[in-house]
PDB file of all heavy atoms in Angstrom:
ATOM      1  N   GLY A   1      -3.569 -13.349  14.437  1.00  0.00           N
ATOM      2  CA  GLY A   1      -4.349 -14.185  15.346  1.00  0.00           C
ATOM      3  C   GLY A   1      -5.011 -13.383  16.452  1.00  0.00           C
ATOM      4  O   GLY A   1      -5.823 -13.915  17.207  1.00  0.00           O
ATOM      5  N   VAL A   2      -4.665 -12.111  16.547  1.00  0.00           N
ATOM      6  CA  VAL A   2      -5.240 -11.242  17.579  1.00  0.00           C
ATOM      7  C   VAL A   2      -6.279 -10.340  16.911  1.00  0.00           C
ATOM      8  O   VAL A   2      -5.922  -9.448  16.133  1.00  0.00           O
ATOM      9  CB  VAL A   2      -4.146 -10.384  18.252  1.00  0.00           C
ATOM     10  CG1 VAL A   2      -4.738  -9.521  19.355  1.00  0.00           C
ATOM     11  CG2 VAL A   2      -3.035 -11.281  18.795  1.00  0.00           C
ATOM     12  N   PRO A   3      -7.556 -10.543  17.158  1.00  0.00           N
ATOM     13  CA  PRO A   3      -8.608  -9.824  16.420  1.00  0.00           C
ATOM     14  C   PRO A   3      -8.481  -8.304  16.455  1.00  0.00           C
ATOM     15  O   PRO A   3      -8.703  -7.646  15.439  1.00  0.00           O
ATOM     16  CB  PRO A   3      -9.890 -10.286  17.120  1.00  0.00           C
ATOM     17  CG  PRO A   3      -9.553 -11.624  17.697  1.00  0.00           C
ATOM     18  CD  PRO A   3      -8.111 -11.533  18.090  1.00  0.00           C
ATOM     19  N   LEU A   4      -8.109  -7.732  17.604  1.00  0.00           N
ATOM     20  CA  LEU A   4      -8.042  -6.272  17.714  1.00  0.00           C
ATOM     21  C   LEU A   4      -6.988  -5.682  16.787  1.00  0.00           C
ATOM     22  O   LEU A   4      -7.153  -4.573  16.268  1.00  0.00           O
ATOM     23  CB  LEU A   4      -7.760  -5.855  19.163  1.00  0.00           C
ATOM     24  CG  LEU A   4      -7.764  -4.352  19.444  1.00  0.00           C
ATOM     25  CD1 LEU A   4      -9.127  -3.734  19.141  1.00  0.00           C
ATOM     26  CD2 LEU A   4      -7.367  -4.074  20.901  1.00  0.00           C
ATOM     27  N   VAL A   5      -5.901  -6.433  16.548  1.00  0.00           N
ATOM     28  CA  VAL A   5      -4.850  -5.958  15.636  1.00  0.00           C
ATOM     29  C   VAL A   5      -5.429  -5.719  14.246  1.00  0.00           C
ATOM     30  O   VAL A   5      -5.267  -4.644  13.651  1.00  0.00           O
ATOM     31  CB  VAL A   5      -3.680  -6.970  15.568  1.00  0.00           C
ATOM     32  CG1 VAL A   5      -2.733  -6.615  14.423  1.00  0.00           C
ATOM     33  CG2 VAL A   5      -2.912  -6.987  16.885  1.00  0.00           C
ATOM     34  N   GLY A   6      -6.109  -6.723  13.722  1.00  0.00           N
ATOM     35  CA  GLY A   6      -6.712  -6.581  12.398  1.00  0.00           C
ATOM     36  C   GLY A   6      -7.794  -5.517  12.370  1.00  0.00           C
ATOM     37  O   GLY A   6      -7.918  -4.770  11.389  1.00  0.00           O
ATOM     38  N   GLN A   7      -8.567  -5.425  13.437  1.00  0.00           N
ATOM     39  CA  GLN A   7      -9.669  -4.460  13.499  1.00  0.00           C
ATOM     40  C   GLN A   7      -9.156  -3.026  13.420  1.00  0.00           C
ATOM     41  O   GLN A   7      -9.639  -2.216  12.618  1.00  0.00           O
ATOM     42  CB  GLN A   7     -10.449  -4.682  14.803  1.00  0.00           C
ATOM     43  CG  GLN A   7     -11.802  -3.982  14.848  1.00  0.00           C
ATOM     44  CD  GLN A   7     -12.528  -4.256  16.162  1.00  0.00           C
ATOM     45  OE1 GLN A   7     -12.067  -5.039  17.000  1.00  0.00           O
ATOM     46  NE2 GLN A   7     -13.657  -3.599  16.352  1.00  0.00           N
ATOM     47  N   VAL A   8      -8.156  -2.699  14.231  1.00  0.00           N
ATOM     48  CA  VAL A   8      -7.613  -1.331  14.242  1.00  0.00           C
ATOM     49  C   VAL A   8      -6.876  -1.043  12.934  1.00  0.00           C
ATOM     50  O   VAL A   8      -7.017   0.038  12.350  1.00  0.00           O
ATOM     51  CB  VAL A   8      -6.675  -1.118  15.458  1.00  0.00           C
ATOM     52  CG1 VAL A   8      -6.056   0.276  15.415  1.00  0.00           C
ATOM     53  CG2 VAL A   8      -7.435  -1.324  16.757  1.00  0.00           C
ATOM     54  N   SER A   9      -6.096  -2.007  12.458  1.00  0.00           N
ATOM     55  CA  SER A   9      -5.337  -1.813  11.219  1.00  0.00           C
ATOM     56  C   SER A   9      -6.267  -1.532  10.047  1.00  0.00           C
ATOM     57  O   SER A   9      -6.054  -0.601   9.263  1.00  0.00           O
ATOM     58  CB  SER A   9      -4.490  -3.048  10.910  1.00  0.00           C
ATOM     59  OG  SER A   9      -3.581  -3.308  11.947  1.00  0.00           O
ATOM     60  N   ARG A  10      -7.307  -2.361   9.925  1.00  0.00           N
ATOM     61  CA  ARG A  10      -8.248  -2.172   8.811  1.00  0.00           C
ATOM     62  C   ARG A  10      -9.002  -0.858   8.944  1.00  0.00           C
ATOM     63  O   ARG A  10      -9.310  -0.208   7.946  1.00  0.00           O
ATOM     64  CB  ARG A  10      -9.227  -3.350   8.748  1.00  0.00           C
ATOM     65  CG  ARG A  10      -8.590  -4.628   8.238  1.00  0.00           C
ATOM     66  CD  ARG A  10      -9.593  -5.756   8.045  1.00  0.00           C
ATOM     67  NE  ARG A  10      -8.903  -6.969   7.616  1.00  0.00           N
ATOM     68  CZ  ARG A  10      -8.363  -7.849   8.457  1.00  0.00           C
ATOM     69  NH1 ARG A  10      -8.448  -7.662   9.744  1.00  0.00           N
ATOM     70  NH2 ARG A  10      -7.725  -8.913   7.989  1.00  0.00           N
ATOM     71  N   TYR A  11      -9.279  -0.461  10.161  1.00  0.00           N
ATOM     72  CA  TYR A  11     -10.014   0.783  10.385  1.00  0.00           C
ATOM     73  C   TYR A  11      -9.255   1.974   9.799  1.00  0.00           C
ATOM     74  O   TYR A  11      -9.803   2.776   9.059  1.00  0.00           O
ATOM     75  CB  TYR A  11     -10.234   1.002  11.886  1.00  0.00           C
ATOM     76  CG  TYR A  11     -10.979   2.284  12.212  1.00  0.00           C
ATOM     77  CD1 TYR A  11     -12.370   2.325  12.184  1.00  0.00           C
ATOM     78  CD2 TYR A  11     -10.292   3.454  12.542  1.00  0.00           C
ATOM     79  CE1 TYR A  11     -13.058   3.498  12.475  1.00  0.00           C
ATOM     80  CE2 TYR A  11     -10.970   4.624  12.830  1.00  0.00           C
ATOM     81  CZ  TYR A  11     -12.350   4.639  12.792  1.00  0.00           C
ATOM     82  OH  TYR A  11     -13.027   5.800  13.077  1.00  0.00           O
ATOM     83  N   ILE A  12      -7.967   2.064  10.104  1.00  0.00           N
ATOM     84  CA  ILE A  12      -7.212   3.238   9.644  1.00  0.00           C
ATOM     85  C   ILE A  12      -6.832   3.108   8.171  1.00  0.00           C
ATOM     86  O   ILE A  12      -6.875   4.080   7.420  1.00  0.00           O
ATOM     87  CB  ILE A  12      -5.980   3.519  10.532  1.00  0.00           C
ATOM     88  CG1 ILE A  12      -5.336   4.851  10.119  1.00  0.00           C
ATOM     89  CG2 ILE A  12      -4.989   2.386  10.530  1.00  0.00           C
ATOM     90  CD1 ILE A  12      -4.319   5.382  11.090  1.00  0.00           C
ATOM     91  N   ILE A  13      -6.512   1.894   7.707  1.00  0.00           N
ATOM     92  CA  ILE A  13      -6.095   1.731   6.305  1.00  0.00           C
ATOM     93  C   ILE A  13      -7.276   1.941   5.358  1.00  0.00           C
ATOM     94  O   ILE A  13      -7.102   2.431   4.243  1.00  0.00           O
ATOM     95  CB  ILE A  13      -5.415   0.368   6.106  1.00  0.00           C
ATOM     96  CG1 ILE A  13      -3.979   0.456   6.642  1.00  0.00           C
ATOM     97  CG2 ILE A  13      -5.389  -0.045   4.633  1.00  0.00           C
ATOM     98  CD1 ILE A  13      -3.177  -0.796   6.573  1.00  0.00           C
ATOM     99  N   SER A  14      -8.479   1.614   5.816  1.00  0.00           N
ATOM    100  CA  SER A  14      -9.661   1.786   4.957  1.00  0.00           C
ATOM    101  C   SER A  14     -10.278   3.172   5.088  1.00  0.00           C
ATOM    102  O   SER A  14     -11.344   3.429   4.538  1.00  0.00           O
ATOM    103  CB  SER A  14     -10.710   0.728   5.296  1.00  0.00           C
ATOM    104  OG  SER A  14     -11.186   0.919   6.619  1.00  0.00           O
ATOM    105  N   ALA A  15      -9.602   4.077   5.789  1.00  0.00           N
ATOM    106  CA  ALA A  15     -10.188   5.390   6.080  1.00  0.00           C
ATOM    107  C   ALA A  15     -10.054   6.394   4.937  1.00  0.00           C
ATOM    108  O   ALA A  15     -10.323   7.577   5.106  1.00  0.00           O
ATOM    109  CB  ALA A  15      -9.570   5.970   7.353  1.00  0.00           C
ATOM    110  N   GLY A  16      -9.595   5.932   3.773  1.00  0.00           N
ATOM    111  CA  GLY A  16      -9.633   6.819   2.600  1.00  0.00           C
ATOM    112  C   GLY A  16      -8.392   7.644   2.362  1.00  0.00           C
ATOM    113  O   GLY A  16      -8.480   8.753   1.848  1.00  0.00           O
ATOM    114  N   GLY A  17      -7.218   7.142   2.741  1.00  0.00           N
ATOM    115  CA  GLY A  17      -5.984   7.892   2.494  1.00  0.00           C
ATOM    116  C   GLY A  17      -5.640   7.963   1.012  1.00  0.00           C
ATOM    117  O   GLY A  17      -6.169   7.223   0.187  1.00  0.00           O
ATOM    118  N   LYS A  18      -4.725   8.864   0.691  1.00  0.00           N
ATOM    119  CA  LYS A  18      -4.362   9.095  -0.717  1.00  0.00           C
ATOM    120  C   LYS A  18      -3.447   8.011  -1.276  1.00  0.00           C
ATOM    121  O   LYS A  18      -3.289   7.889  -2.483  1.00  0.00           O
ATOM    122  CB  LYS A  18      -3.672  10.461  -0.849  1.00  0.00           C
ATOM    123  CG  LYS A  18      -4.572  11.614  -0.397  1.00  0.00           C
ATOM    124  CD  LYS A  18      -3.804  12.920  -0.355  1.00  0.00           C
ATOM    125  CE  LYS A  18      -4.633  14.015   0.289  1.00  0.00           C
ATOM    126  NZ  LYS A  18      -4.851  13.782   1.736  1.00  0.00           N
ATOM    127  N   ARG A  19      -2.798   7.232  -0.396  1.00  0.00           N
ATOM    128  CA  ARG A  19      -1.872   6.175  -0.819  1.00  0.00           C
ATOM    129  C   ARG A  19      -0.757   6.729  -1.718  1.00  0.00           C
ATOM    130  O   ARG A  19      -0.329   6.064  -2.663  1.00  0.00           O
ATOM    131  CB  ARG A  19      -2.609   5.051  -1.547  1.00  0.00           C
ATOM    132  CG  ARG A  19      -3.709   4.372  -0.731  1.00  0.00           C
ATOM    133  CD  ARG A  19      -3.141   3.401   0.287  1.00  0.00           C
ATOM    134  NE  ARG A  19      -4.163   2.843   1.150  1.00  0.00           N
ATOM    135  CZ  ARG A  19      -4.856   1.742   0.879  1.00  0.00           C
ATOM    136  NH1 ARG A  19      -4.664   1.096  -0.235  1.00  0.00           N
ATOM    137  NH2 ARG A  19      -5.747   1.297   1.742  1.00  0.00           N
ATOM    138  N   LEU A  20      -0.316   7.945  -1.447  1.00  0.00           N
ATOM    139  CA  LEU A  20       0.673   8.576  -2.323  1.00  0.00           C
ATOM    140  C   LEU A  20       2.009   7.851  -2.325  1.00  0.00           C
ATOM    141  O   LEU A  20       2.672   7.770  -3.352  1.00  0.00           O
ATOM    142  CB  LEU A  20       0.896  10.035  -1.901  1.00  0.00           C
ATOM    143  CG  LEU A  20      -0.001  11.092  -2.550  1.00  0.00           C
ATOM    144  CD1 LEU A  20       0.341  12.472  -1.996  1.00  0.00           C
ATOM    145  CD2 LEU A  20       0.133  11.079  -4.060  1.00  0.00           C
ATOM    146  N   ARG A  21       2.410   7.330  -1.182  1.00  0.00           N
ATOM    147  CA  ARG A  21       3.737   6.709  -1.096  1.00  0.00           C
ATOM    148  C   ARG A  21       3.805   5.411  -1.909  1.00  0.00           C
ATOM    149  O   ARG A  21       4.745   5.239  -2.692  1.00  0.00           O
ATOM    150  CB  ARG A  21       4.110   6.522   0.379  1.00  0.00           C
ATOM    151  CG  ARG A  21       4.261   7.872   1.095  1.00  0.00           C
ATOM    152  CD  ARG A  21       3.867   7.797   2.572  1.00  0.00           C
ATOM    153  NE  ARG A  21       3.759   9.115   3.169  1.00  0.00           N
ATOM    154  CZ  ARG A  21       2.642   9.867   3.127  1.00  0.00           C
ATOM    155  NH1 ARG A  21       1.556   9.432   2.492  1.00  0.00           N
ATOM    156  NH2 ARG A  21       2.606  11.060   3.703  1.00  0.00           N
ATOM    157  N   PRO A  22       2.825   4.496  -1.752  1.00  0.00           N
ATOM    158  CA  PRO A  22       2.859   3.320  -2.637  1.00  0.00           C
ATOM    159  C   PRO A  22       2.670   3.683  -4.113  1.00  0.00           C
ATOM    160  O   PRO A  22       3.292   3.066  -4.985  1.00  0.00           O
ATOM    161  CB  PRO A  22       1.706   2.438  -2.131  1.00  0.00           C
ATOM    162  CG  PRO A  22       0.909   3.282  -1.208  1.00  0.00           C
ATOM    163  CD  PRO A  22       1.799   4.348  -0.703  1.00  0.00           C
ATOM    164  N   VAL A  23       1.826   4.670  -4.400  1.00  0.00           N
ATOM    165  CA  VAL A  23       1.658   5.114  -5.791  1.00  0.00           C
ATOM    166  C   VAL A  23       2.994   5.594  -6.351  1.00  0.00           C
ATOM    167  O   VAL A  23       3.367   5.280  -7.486  1.00  0.00           O
ATOM    168  CB  VAL A  23       0.597   6.235  -5.883  1.00  0.00           C
ATOM    169  CG1 VAL A  23       0.682   6.970  -7.215  1.00  0.00           C
ATOM    170  CG2 VAL A  23      -0.800   5.657  -5.704  1.00  0.00           C
ATOM    171  N   LEU A  24       3.734   6.349  -5.533  1.00  0.00           N
ATOM    172  CA  LEU A  24       5.032   6.875  -5.965  1.00  0.00           C
ATOM    173  C   LEU A  24       6.002   5.739  -6.275  1.00  0.00           C
ATOM    174  O   LEU A  24       6.698   5.754  -7.306  1.00  0.00           O
ATOM    175  CB  LEU A  24       5.587   7.792  -4.862  1.00  0.00           C
ATOM    176  CG  LEU A  24       6.938   8.448  -5.084  1.00  0.00           C
ATOM    177  CD1 LEU A  24       6.995   9.176  -6.414  1.00  0.00           C
ATOM    178  CD2 LEU A  24       7.244   9.408  -3.933  1.00  0.00           C
ATOM    179  N   LEU A  25       6.035   4.727  -5.429  1.00  0.00           N
ATOM    180  CA  LEU A  25       6.914   3.580  -5.665  1.00  0.00           C
ATOM    181  C   LEU A  25       6.539   2.875  -6.972  1.00  0.00           C
ATOM    182  O   LEU A  25       7.406   2.549  -7.795  1.00  0.00           O
ATOM    183  CB  LEU A  25       6.832   2.619  -4.475  1.00  0.00           C
ATOM    184  CG  LEU A  25       7.852   1.479  -4.425  1.00  0.00           C
ATOM    185  CD1 LEU A  25       8.115   1.071  -2.969  1.00  0.00           C
ATOM    186  CD2 LEU A  25       7.413   0.243  -5.211  1.00  0.00           C
ATOM    187  N   LEU A  26       5.250   2.670  -7.187  1.00  0.00           N
ATOM    188  CA  LEU A  26       4.794   1.983  -8.408  1.00  0.00           C
ATOM    189  C   LEU A  26       5.091   2.815  -9.649  1.00  0.00           C
ATOM    190  O   LEU A  26       5.481   2.275 -10.695  1.00  0.00           O
ATOM    191  CB  LEU A  26       3.291   1.693  -8.325  1.00  0.00           C
ATOM    192  CG  LEU A  26       2.841   0.701  -7.249  1.00  0.00           C
ATOM    193  CD1 LEU A  26       1.322   0.576  -7.258  1.00  0.00           C
ATOM    194  CD2 LEU A  26       3.482  -0.670  -7.449  1.00  0.00           C
ATOM    195  N   LEU A  27       4.895   4.139  -9.566  1.00  0.00           N
ATOM    196  CA  LEU A  27       5.171   4.993 -10.721  1.00  0.00           C
ATOM    197  C   LEU A  27       6.659   4.987 -11.070  1.00  0.00           C
ATOM    198  O   LEU A  27       7.023   4.983 -12.249  1.00  0.00           O
ATOM    199  CB  LEU A  27       4.700   6.425 -10.455  1.00  0.00           C
ATOM    200  CG  LEU A  27       3.194   6.678 -10.556  1.00  0.00           C
ATOM    201  CD1 LEU A  27       2.861   8.094 -10.098  1.00  0.00           C
ATOM    202  CD2 LEU A  27       2.702   6.458 -11.982  1.00  0.00           C
ATOM    203  N   MET A  28       7.522   5.005 -10.049  1.00  0.00           N
ATOM    204  CA  MET A  28       8.963   4.946 -10.311  1.00  0.00           C
ATOM    205  C   MET A  28       9.334   3.626 -10.988  1.00  0.00           C
ATOM    206  O   MET A  28      10.129   3.595 -11.931  1.00  0.00           O
ATOM    207  CB  MET A  28       9.752   5.105  -9.012  1.00  0.00           C
ATOM    208  CG  MET A  28       9.829   6.527  -8.505  1.00  0.00           C
ATOM    209  SD  MET A  28      10.615   7.630  -9.713  1.00  0.00           S
ATOM    210  CE  MET A  28      10.502   9.190  -8.835  1.00  0.00           C
ATOM    211  N   CYS A  29       8.746   2.518 -10.506  1.00  0.00           N
ATOM    212  CA  CYS A  29       8.995   1.222 -11.152  1.00  0.00           C
ATOM    213  C   CYS A  29       8.554   1.271 -12.612  1.00  0.00           C
ATOM    214  O   CYS A  29       9.259   0.793 -13.507  1.00  0.00           O
ATOM    215  CB  CYS A  29       8.242   0.113 -10.415  1.00  0.00           C
ATOM    216  SG  CYS A  29       8.951  -0.343  -8.823  1.00  0.00           S
ATOM    217  N   GLY A  30       7.383   1.859 -12.867  1.00  0.00           N
ATOM    218  CA  GLY A  30       6.887   1.958 -14.227  1.00  0.00           C
ATOM    219  C   GLY A  30       7.760   2.820 -15.100  1.00  0.00           C
ATOM    220  O   GLY A  30       8.058   2.466 -16.256  1.00  0.00           O
ATOM    221  N   ALA A  31       8.213   3.961 -14.550  1.00  0.00           N
ATOM    222  CA  ALA A  31       9.063   4.877 -15.315  1.00  0.00           C
ATOM    223  C   ALA A  31      10.366   4.210 -15.724  1.00  0.00           C
ATOM    224  O   ALA A  31      10.923   4.498 -16.791  1.00  0.00           O
ATOM    225  CB  ALA A  31       9.340   6.136 -14.499  1.00  0.00           C
ATOM    226  N   LEU A  32      10.849   3.290 -14.872  1.00  0.00           N
ATOM    227  CA  LEU A  32      12.146   2.654 -15.120  1.00  0.00           C
ATOM    228  C   LEU A  32      12.007   1.223 -15.645  1.00  0.00           C
ATOM    229  O   LEU A  32      12.997   0.500 -15.766  1.00  0.00           O
ATOM    230  CB  LEU A  32      12.980   2.673 -13.830  1.00  0.00           C
ATOM    231  CG  LEU A  32      13.273   4.084 -13.291  1.00  0.00           C
ATOM    232  CD1 LEU A  32      13.974   4.005 -11.936  1.00  0.00           C
ATOM    233  CD2 LEU A  32      14.110   4.892 -14.271  1.00  0.00           C
ATOM    234  N   GLY A  33      10.756   0.812 -15.931  1.00  0.00           N
ATOM    235  CA  GLY A  33      10.540  -0.459 -16.627  1.00  0.00           C
ATOM    236  C   GLY A  33      10.560  -1.710 -15.778  1.00  0.00           C
ATOM    237  O   GLY A  33      10.710  -2.817 -16.303  1.00  0.00           O
ATOM    238  N   PHE A  34      10.392  -1.575 -14.440  1.00  0.00           N
ATOM    239  CA  PHE A  34      10.372  -2.773 -13.589  1.00  0.00           C
ATOM    240  C   PHE A  34       8.932  -3.249 -13.411  1.00  0.00           C
ATOM    241  O   PHE A  34       8.066  -2.494 -12.968  1.00  0.00           O
ATOM    242  CB  PHE A  34      10.993  -2.485 -12.216  1.00  0.00           C
ATOM    243  CG  PHE A  34      10.971  -3.678 -11.299  1.00  0.00           C
ATOM    244  CD1 PHE A  34      11.899  -4.697 -11.447  1.00  0.00           C
ATOM    245  CD2 PHE A  34      10.013  -3.798 -10.298  1.00  0.00           C
ATOM    246  CE1 PHE A  34      11.878  -5.810 -10.612  1.00  0.00           C
ATOM    247  CE2 PHE A  34       9.987  -4.902  -9.455  1.00  0.00           C
ATOM    248  CZ  PHE A  34      10.931  -5.911  -9.615  1.00  0.00           C
ATOM    249  N   LYS A  35       8.680  -4.528 -13.722  1.00  0.00           N
ATOM    250  CA  LYS A  35       7.311  -5.054 -13.665  1.00  0.00           C
ATOM    251  C   LYS A  35       7.180  -6.265 -12.733  1.00  0.00           C
ATOM    252  O   LYS A  35       6.162  -6.950 -12.736  1.00  0.00           O
ATOM    253  CB  LYS A  35       6.842  -5.435 -15.074  1.00  0.00           C
ATOM    254  CG  LYS A  35       6.750  -4.234 -16.009  1.00  0.00           C
ATOM    255  CD  LYS A  35       6.273  -4.633 -17.396  1.00  0.00           C
ATOM    256  CE  LYS A  35       6.180  -3.406 -18.302  1.00  0.00           C
ATOM    257  NZ  LYS A  35       5.760  -3.756 -19.674  1.00  0.00           N
ATOM    258  N   GLY A  36       8.194  -6.514 -11.923  1.00  0.00           N
ATOM    259  CA  GLY A  36       8.154  -7.668 -11.018  1.00  0.00           C
ATOM    260  C   GLY A  36       7.136  -7.503  -9.899  1.00  0.00           C
ATOM    261  O   GLY A  36       6.791  -6.391  -9.504  1.00  0.00           O
ATOM    262  N   ALA A  37       6.654  -8.626  -9.359  1.00  0.00           N
ATOM    263  CA  ALA A  37       5.616  -8.618  -8.321  1.00  0.00           C
ATOM    264  C   ALA A  37       6.109  -8.018  -7.007  1.00  0.00           C
ATOM    265  O   ALA A  37       5.298  -7.595  -6.176  1.00  0.00           O
ATOM    266  CB  ALA A  37       5.115 -10.042  -8.085  1.00  0.00           C
ATOM    267  N   GLN A  38       7.435  -7.963  -6.812  1.00  0.00           N
ATOM    268  CA  GLN A  38       7.958  -7.434  -5.553  1.00  0.00           C
ATOM    269  C   GLN A  38       7.566  -5.969  -5.348  1.00  0.00           C
ATOM    270  O   GLN A  38       7.528  -5.478  -4.214  1.00  0.00           O
ATOM    271  CB  GLN A  38       9.482  -7.597  -5.533  1.00  0.00           C
ATOM    272  CG  GLN A  38      10.123  -7.386  -4.173  1.00  0.00           C
ATOM    273  CD  GLN A  38       9.576  -8.305  -3.088  1.00  0.00           C
ATOM    274  OE1 GLN A  38       9.101  -7.851  -2.054  1.00  0.00           O
ATOM    275  NE2 GLN A  38       9.641  -9.616  -3.324  1.00  0.00           N
ATOM    276  N   ARG A  39       7.238  -5.281  -6.448  1.00  0.00           N
ATOM    277  CA  ARG A  39       6.843  -3.871  -6.287  1.00  0.00           C
ATOM    278  C   ARG A  39       5.551  -3.752  -5.481  1.00  0.00           C
ATOM    279  O   ARG A  39       5.371  -2.782  -4.744  1.00  0.00           O
ATOM    280  CB  ARG A  39       6.719  -3.175  -7.647  1.00  0.00           C
ATOM    281  CG  ARG A  39       5.544  -3.577  -8.527  1.00  0.00           C
ATOM    282  CD  ARG A  39       5.769  -3.011  -9.944  1.00  0.00           C
ATOM    283  NE  ARG A  39       4.600  -3.047 -10.810  1.00  0.00           N
ATOM    284  CZ  ARG A  39       4.180  -4.098 -11.504  1.00  0.00           C
ATOM    285  NH1 ARG A  39       4.856  -5.253 -11.401  1.00  0.00           N
ATOM    286  NH2 ARG A  39       3.121  -4.025 -12.282  1.00  0.00           N
TER     287      ARG A  39
END
């Protein structure tokens, strides 16, 4: 509900990071056969 919160958050998240940490979590789930939405 606070516009500046979303503005700053989107600014840094959309800045082109490698997203390695979420990729790593998803790859581990895939390697071990977990396909639930919680990942």
